[in-house]
């Protein structure tokens, strides 16, 4: 019974963290992609990167050093995955 309670509490915490991440990603990515001409692609990859890395660099361009995971995630050609 104790294992069940611990597992339930763990899942509850993980669910809260995931929901909080998605809530925080949308406005940050909306601003990050506000000046690009490729808005749909930018928002798609920004939200994907935010969900994985749990952060989005400030500003509309650059500042990737603020979020190492965001900066280091690469596509199959070696280019940056995150906008």
Protein backbone atom coordinates (compact mmCIF):
# COMPACT_ATOMS: atom_id res chain seq x y z
CA UNK A 1 0.00 0.00 0.00
CA UNK A 2 2.87 2.39 0.81
CA UNK A 3 4.42 1.75 -2.61
CA UNK A 4 1.12 2.56 -4.27
CA UNK A 5 0.82 5.84 -2.38
CA UNK A 6 4.42 6.79 -3.24
CA UNK A 7 3.87 5.95 -6.90
CA UNK A 8 0.63 7.95 -6.95
CA UNK A 9 2.28 10.98 -5.36
CA UNK A 10 5.20 10.74 -7.77
CA UNK A 11 2.86 10.68 -10.78
CA UNK A 12 0.91 13.60 -9.35
CA UNK A 13 4.06 15.69 -9.00
CA UNK A 14 5.28 14.77 -12.51
CA UNK A 15 1.88 15.70 -13.97
CA UNK A 16 1.99 19.08 -12.23
CA UNK A 17 5.51 19.77 -13.49
CA UNK A 18 4.59 18.86 -17.07
CA UNK A 19 1.45 21.02 -17.00
CA UNK A 20 3.38 23.93 -15.52
CA UNK A 21 6.01 23.58 -18.23
CA UNK A 22 3.50 23.77 -21.06
CA UNK A 23 1.72 26.72 -19.47
CA UNK A 24 5.00 28.62 -19.24
CA UNK A 25 6.27 27.63 -22.70
CA UNK A 26 3.45 29.14 -24.75
CA UNK A 27 3.90 32.82 -23.81
CA UNK A 28 7.69 32.60 -23.86
CA UNK A 29 7.73 30.98 -27.30
CA UNK A 30 5.09 33.40 -28.56
CA UNK A 31 7.44 36.27 -27.72
CA UNK A 32 10.56 34.43 -28.92
CA UNK A 33 8.97 33.88 -32.35
CA UNK A 34 7.22 37.26 -32.62
CA UNK A 35 9.61 38.77 -35.18
CA UNK A 36 10.24 35.84 -37.51
CA UNK A 37 8.70 35.37 -40.94
CA UNK A 38 8.53 31.60 -40.24
CA UNK A 39 6.25 31.87 -37.21
CA UNK A 40 4.57 28.44 -37.40
CA UNK A 41 7.84 26.50 -37.63
CA UNK A 42 9.43 28.70 -34.96
CA UNK A 43 6.56 28.10 -32.52
CA UNK A 44 6.59 24.35 -33.19
CA UNK A 45 10.29 23.95 -32.47
CA UNK A 46 10.38 26.49 -29.67
CA UNK A 47 7.61 24.67 -27.78
CA UNK A 48 9.29 21.32 -28.43
CA UNK A 49 12.61 22.65 -27.12
CA UNK A 50 10.97 24.34 -24.14
CA UNK A 51 9.20 21.13 -23.16
CA UNK A 52 12.49 19.22 -23.27
CA UNK A 53 14.79 21.86 -21.81
CA UNK A 54 12.33 23.61 -19.46
CA UNK A 55 13.56 27.03 -20.55
CA UNK A 56 13.47 29.51 -23.42
CA UNK A 57 16.20 32.14 -23.90
CA UNK A 58 15.13 35.75 -23.44
CA UNK A 59 14.58 38.02 -26.41
CA UNK A 60 13.56 37.27 -29.97
CA UNK A 61 17.00 36.12 -31.13
CA UNK A 62 20.27 34.93 -29.62
CA UNK A 63 20.91 34.67 -25.86
CA UNK A 64 21.03 30.85 -26.17
CA UNK A 65 23.80 30.71 -23.58
CA UNK A 66 21.06 31.28 -20.97
CA UNK A 67 19.74 27.79 -21.67
CA UNK A 68 22.50 25.25 -22.46
CA UNK A 69 20.11 22.41 -23.38
CA UNK A 70 18.29 24.72 -25.80
CA UNK A 71 21.62 25.78 -27.29
CA UNK A 72 23.14 22.29 -27.56
CA UNK A 73 20.21 20.40 -29.11
CA UNK A 74 21.11 19.86 -32.80
CA UNK A 75 19.24 18.63 -35.87
CA UNK A 76 20.47 15.72 -38.00
CA UNK A 77 22.66 18.09 -40.06
CA UNK A 78 24.38 19.53 -37.00
CA UNK A 79 22.51 22.84 -37.09
CA UNK A 80 20.58 24.27 -34.14
CA UNK A 81 17.25 22.55 -33.47
CA UNK A 82 15.84 25.34 -31.32
CA UNK A 83 15.05 28.85 -32.61
